[in-house]
N, C-alpha and C. Protein backbone atom coordinates (compact mmCIF):
# COMPACT_ATOMS: atom_id res chain seq x y z
N MET A 1 58.07 139.68 264.45
CA MET A 1 57.58 138.26 263.66
C MET A 1 56.19 138.22 263.98
N ALA A 2 55.41 138.27 264.73
CA ALA A 2 53.96 138.12 264.76
C ALA A 2 53.29 139.37 263.40
N GLU A 3 53.63 139.92 263.11
CA GLU A 3 52.89 140.99 261.94
C GLU A 3 53.56 140.63 260.71
N SER A 4 54.49 139.93 260.64
CA SER A 4 54.98 139.10 259.23
C SER A 4 53.95 138.11 259.12
N SER A 5 53.45 136.70 259.87
CA SER A 5 52.95 136.14 260.03
C SER A 5 51.09 136.00 259.20
N ILE A 6 50.83 137.34 259.70
CA ILE A 6 49.55 137.86 259.07
C ILE A 6 49.35 139.05 258.49
N GLY A 7 48.48 138.41 257.24
CA GLY A 7 48.71 139.38 256.23
C GLY A 7 47.63 138.49 255.38
N PRO A 8 47.84 138.94 253.68
CA PRO A 8 47.15 138.03 252.53
C PRO A 8 48.23 137.26 252.31
N ARG A 9 49.53 137.41 252.46
CA ARG A 9 50.20 135.68 252.54
C ARG A 9 50.25 135.84 253.82
N HIS A 10 49.82 134.36 254.44
CA HIS A 10 50.43 133.99 255.30
C HIS A 10 51.26 133.17 255.86
N HIS A 11 51.99 133.65 256.70
CA HIS A 11 53.16 133.07 257.53
C HIS A 11 53.15 132.51 258.46
N PRO A 12 53.04 131.36 259.01
CA PRO A 12 52.57 130.40 259.95
C PRO A 12 54.23 130.30 260.94
N VAL A 13 54.02 130.90 261.89
CA VAL A 13 55.79 130.79 262.53
C VAL A 13 55.65 130.40 264.07
N ARG A 14 56.44 129.33 264.46
CA ARG A 14 56.55 129.06 266.19
C ARG A 14 57.46 130.19 266.41
N ILE A 15 56.93 130.67 267.96
CA ILE A 15 58.03 131.58 268.33
C ILE A 15 58.16 131.33 270.09
N ASP A 16 59.20 131.72 270.08
CA ASP A 16 59.16 130.46 271.32
C ASP A 16 60.10 132.04 272.10
N ILE A 17 59.59 132.30 273.69
CA ILE A 17 60.44 133.92 273.90
C ILE A 17 61.04 133.48 275.48
N THR A 18 61.22 132.10 275.89
CA THR A 18 62.03 131.35 276.46
C THR A 18 63.76 132.58 277.00
N SER A 19 64.03 132.87 276.05
CA SER A 19 65.28 133.09 275.97
C SER A 19 65.60 135.16 276.55
N ILE A 20 63.92 134.79 276.19
CA ILE A 20 64.34 136.69 276.58
C ILE A 20 63.49 137.07 278.15
N ASP A 21 64.38 137.71 278.95
CA ASP A 21 63.84 137.52 280.45
C ASP A 21 63.16 139.42 280.92
N VAL A 22 62.65 138.84 280.29
CA VAL A 22 61.28 140.41 280.36
C VAL A 22 59.77 139.03 280.45
N ASN A 23 58.71 140.00 281.53
CA ASN A 23 57.60 140.05 280.93
C ASN A 23 57.17 139.71 279.50
N PRO A 24 56.15 138.50 278.96
CA PRO A 24 56.08 138.32 277.71
C PRO A 24 55.24 139.11 277.30
N VAL A 25 54.58 139.38 278.28
CA VAL A 25 54.06 140.93 277.07
C VAL A 25 54.73 142.76 276.91
N ARG A 26 55.51 142.43 277.71
CA ARG A 26 56.74 143.75 277.09
C ARG A 26 57.30 143.06 276.02
N ALA A 27 58.24 141.45 276.16
CA ALA A 27 59.29 141.14 275.04
C ALA A 27 57.43 141.07 273.81
N LEU A 28 56.53 140.75 273.48
CA LEU A 28 55.62 140.45 272.69
C LEU A 28 55.60 141.81 271.76
N PHE A 29 55.64 142.37 273.01
CA PHE A 29 55.38 144.71 272.68
C PHE A 29 56.28 145.53 272.63
N SER A 30 57.11 145.12 272.90
CA SER A 30 58.36 146.35 272.26
C SER A 30 58.16 146.79 271.73
N GLU A 31 59.01 148.18 271.35
CA GLU A 31 59.31 149.04 270.12
C GLU A 31 60.52 149.36 270.19
N GLU A 32 61.16 148.01 271.02
CA GLU A 32 62.81 148.72 271.48
C GLU A 32 63.03 148.29 269.68
N LEU A 33 64.16 149.04 269.45
CA LEU A 33 65.10 148.90 267.73
C LEU A 33 65.37 147.44 267.98
N GLY A 34 65.36 147.05 266.57
CA GLY A 34 65.67 145.70 266.29
C GLY A 34 65.27 144.95 264.85
N ALA A 35 65.73 143.67 265.14
CA ALA A 35 66.09 142.96 263.56
C ALA A 35 65.29 141.86 263.36
N VAL A 36 65.10 141.03 262.60
CA VAL A 36 64.55 139.86 262.80
C VAL A 36 65.12 138.96 261.94
N VAL A 37 66.19 138.12 261.49
CA VAL A 37 67.25 136.75 260.53
C VAL A 37 66.48 136.36 260.59
N GLN A 38 65.75 135.85 259.14
CA GLN A 38 65.23 134.22 259.31
C GLN A 38 66.30 133.73 258.58
N ILE A 39 67.40 132.87 259.21
CA ILE A 39 68.02 131.96 258.09
C ILE A 39 68.02 130.38 258.40
N ARG A 40 69.03 129.58 257.44
CA ARG A 40 68.56 128.03 257.48
C ARG A 40 69.64 127.49 258.78
N THR A 41 68.59 126.58 258.89
CA THR A 41 69.55 125.46 259.91
C THR A 41 71.11 125.34 259.79
N THR A 42 71.03 124.84 258.65
CA THR A 42 72.77 125.21 258.44
C THR A 42 73.29 126.39 258.51
N ASP A 43 72.61 127.24 258.35
CA ASP A 43 73.65 128.66 258.41
C ASP A 43 73.72 128.98 260.38
N ARG A 44 73.02 128.48 261.23
CA ARG A 44 73.13 128.89 262.68
C ARG A 44 74.39 129.26 262.27
N GLU A 45 75.40 128.25 262.18
CA GLU A 45 76.27 128.40 263.12
C GLU A 45 77.47 129.56 262.93
N TRP A 46 77.21 129.55 261.14
CA TRP A 46 77.89 130.16 260.73
C TRP A 46 77.46 131.88 260.70
N PHE A 47 76.78 132.16 261.25
CA PHE A 47 75.58 133.10 262.12
C PHE A 47 76.23 133.46 263.44
N THR A 48 76.26 132.83 263.62
CA THR A 48 76.28 132.56 265.57
C THR A 48 77.42 133.54 265.48
N ASP A 49 78.76 132.45 264.98
CA ASP A 49 79.74 132.91 264.94
C ASP A 49 80.56 134.36 264.43
N THR A 50 79.41 135.10 263.88
CA THR A 50 79.61 136.55 262.32
C THR A 50 79.10 137.47 263.66
N MET A 51 77.26 137.34 264.28
CA MET A 51 77.21 137.88 265.26
C MET A 51 78.53 137.89 267.07
N GLU A 52 78.81 137.05 266.76
CA GLU A 52 80.06 137.20 268.02
C GLU A 52 81.28 138.26 267.46
N ALA A 53 81.26 137.35 266.29
CA ALA A 53 83.22 138.33 266.21
C ALA A 53 82.50 139.77 266.10
N TYR A 54 81.39 140.32 266.03
CA TYR A 54 81.24 141.78 265.96
C TYR A 54 80.00 142.38 267.00
N GLY A 55 80.39 141.29 268.63
CA GLY A 55 79.90 141.59 269.29
C GLY A 55 78.62 141.64 270.20
N LEU A 56 77.83 140.85 268.69
CA LEU A 56 75.90 141.55 269.08
C LEU A 56 75.34 140.31 269.08
N MET A 57 75.83 139.33 269.59
CA MET A 57 75.83 137.40 270.37
C MET A 57 74.89 137.94 271.59
N ARG A 58 75.06 139.14 272.34
CA ARG A 58 74.72 139.38 273.68
C ARG A 58 73.70 139.89 273.53
N ASN A 59 72.84 140.53 272.58
CA ASN A 59 71.23 141.11 272.06
C ASN A 59 71.07 140.46 270.83
N SER A 60 71.29 138.89 270.74
CA SER A 60 70.79 138.01 270.18
C SER A 60 69.82 137.04 270.86
N HIS A 61 69.15 136.40 269.95
CA HIS A 61 68.12 135.46 270.45
C HIS A 61 67.72 135.00 269.41
N HIS A 62 67.52 133.16 269.87
CA HIS A 62 66.88 132.75 268.86
C HIS A 62 65.49 132.60 269.22
N LEU A 63 64.65 133.20 267.95
CA LEU A 63 63.05 133.30 268.47
C LEU A 63 62.45 132.61 268.09
N GLY A 64 62.73 132.00 267.17
CA GLY A 64 61.76 130.44 266.19
C GLY A 64 62.10 130.21 265.36
N ARG A 65 60.64 130.08 263.84
CA ARG A 65 61.08 129.30 262.98
C ARG A 65 59.53 129.42 262.39
N PRO A 66 60.05 129.01 261.13
CA PRO A 66 58.08 129.33 260.25
C PRO A 66 58.00 127.50 261.08
N SER A 67 56.11 128.09 260.10
CA SER A 67 55.56 126.73 261.09
C SER A 67 55.10 126.15 259.82
N HIS A 68 54.62 124.89 259.36
CA HIS A 68 53.83 124.06 258.35
C HIS A 68 52.96 123.77 258.00
N ASP A 69 51.91 124.56 259.69
CA ASP A 69 50.74 124.02 259.45
C ASP A 69 50.38 126.46 259.31
N SER A 70 48.83 126.61 259.72
CA SER A 70 48.53 127.27 259.41
C SER A 70 47.98 128.38 260.92
N HIS A 71 49.63 128.12 262.16
CA HIS A 71 48.53 128.79 263.01
C HIS A 71 50.35 129.47 263.34
N ILE A 72 49.98 130.74 264.12
CA ILE A 72 50.65 131.10 264.83
C ILE A 72 50.73 130.95 266.32
N GLU A 73 52.37 130.71 266.53
CA GLU A 73 51.88 130.02 268.25
C GLU A 73 53.18 130.84 268.93
N VAL A 74 52.73 131.18 270.09
CA VAL A 74 53.67 131.94 271.10
C VAL A 74 54.31 131.08 272.26
N ARG A 75 55.03 130.55 272.32
CA ARG A 75 55.68 129.55 274.16
C ARG A 75 56.85 130.58 274.85
N ARG A 76 56.36 130.13 275.78
CA ARG A 76 57.33 130.47 276.77
C ARG A 76 57.88 129.32 277.16
N GLY A 77 59.16 128.29 277.06
CA GLY A 77 59.42 127.09 277.66
C GLY A 77 58.10 126.05 277.15
N SER A 78 57.66 125.43 277.74
CA SER A 78 56.54 124.03 277.75
C SER A 78 55.65 125.12 277.70
N ARG A 79 55.13 126.65 278.30
CA ARG A 79 53.75 126.96 278.35
C ARG A 79 53.56 127.70 276.96
N THR A 80 52.85 127.41 276.04
CA THR A 80 51.82 128.10 275.63
C THR A 80 50.98 129.64 275.62
N ILE A 81 51.33 130.83 275.65
CA ILE A 81 51.15 131.38 275.72
C ILE A 81 49.76 131.82 274.57
N LEU A 82 50.03 131.85 273.22
CA LEU A 82 49.09 132.21 271.94
C LEU A 82 49.05 130.84 271.16
N ARG A 83 47.87 130.35 270.43
CA ARG A 83 47.95 129.37 269.32
C ARG A 83 46.76 129.96 268.75
N LYS A 84 46.87 130.68 267.42
CA LYS A 84 45.62 131.02 267.16
C LYS A 84 46.16 130.73 265.24
N ASN A 85 45.12 129.89 264.44
CA ASN A 85 44.86 129.69 263.66
C ASN A 85 45.05 131.51 262.19
N LEU A 86 45.45 131.01 261.72
CA LEU A 86 45.59 132.14 260.62
C LEU A 86 44.72 132.49 259.95
N LEU A 87 44.07 131.21 259.27
CA LEU A 87 42.83 131.36 257.96
C LEU A 87 41.42 130.99 258.51
N GLN A 88 40.86 131.72 259.91
CA GLN A 88 40.24 131.81 260.50
C GLN A 88 39.96 133.55 260.69
């Protein structure tokens, strides 16, 4: 998620890694195979039901959302781990 927010087209994000039960550094820099899927809030229930139907929810996490400012923000619960302005 962080990589997609950096580059010529800034796509700021707010990431919350609370649902990932490992060390924050390991969670942020993992080389594990995975995918990030952006869905509309209105489609979240459908998406969750579909993931459950195929037995994939145990490996799924809600990680964040696009941001409307110019920052990338990484949180773990109420603790901010990183907040960086992408325009600086």
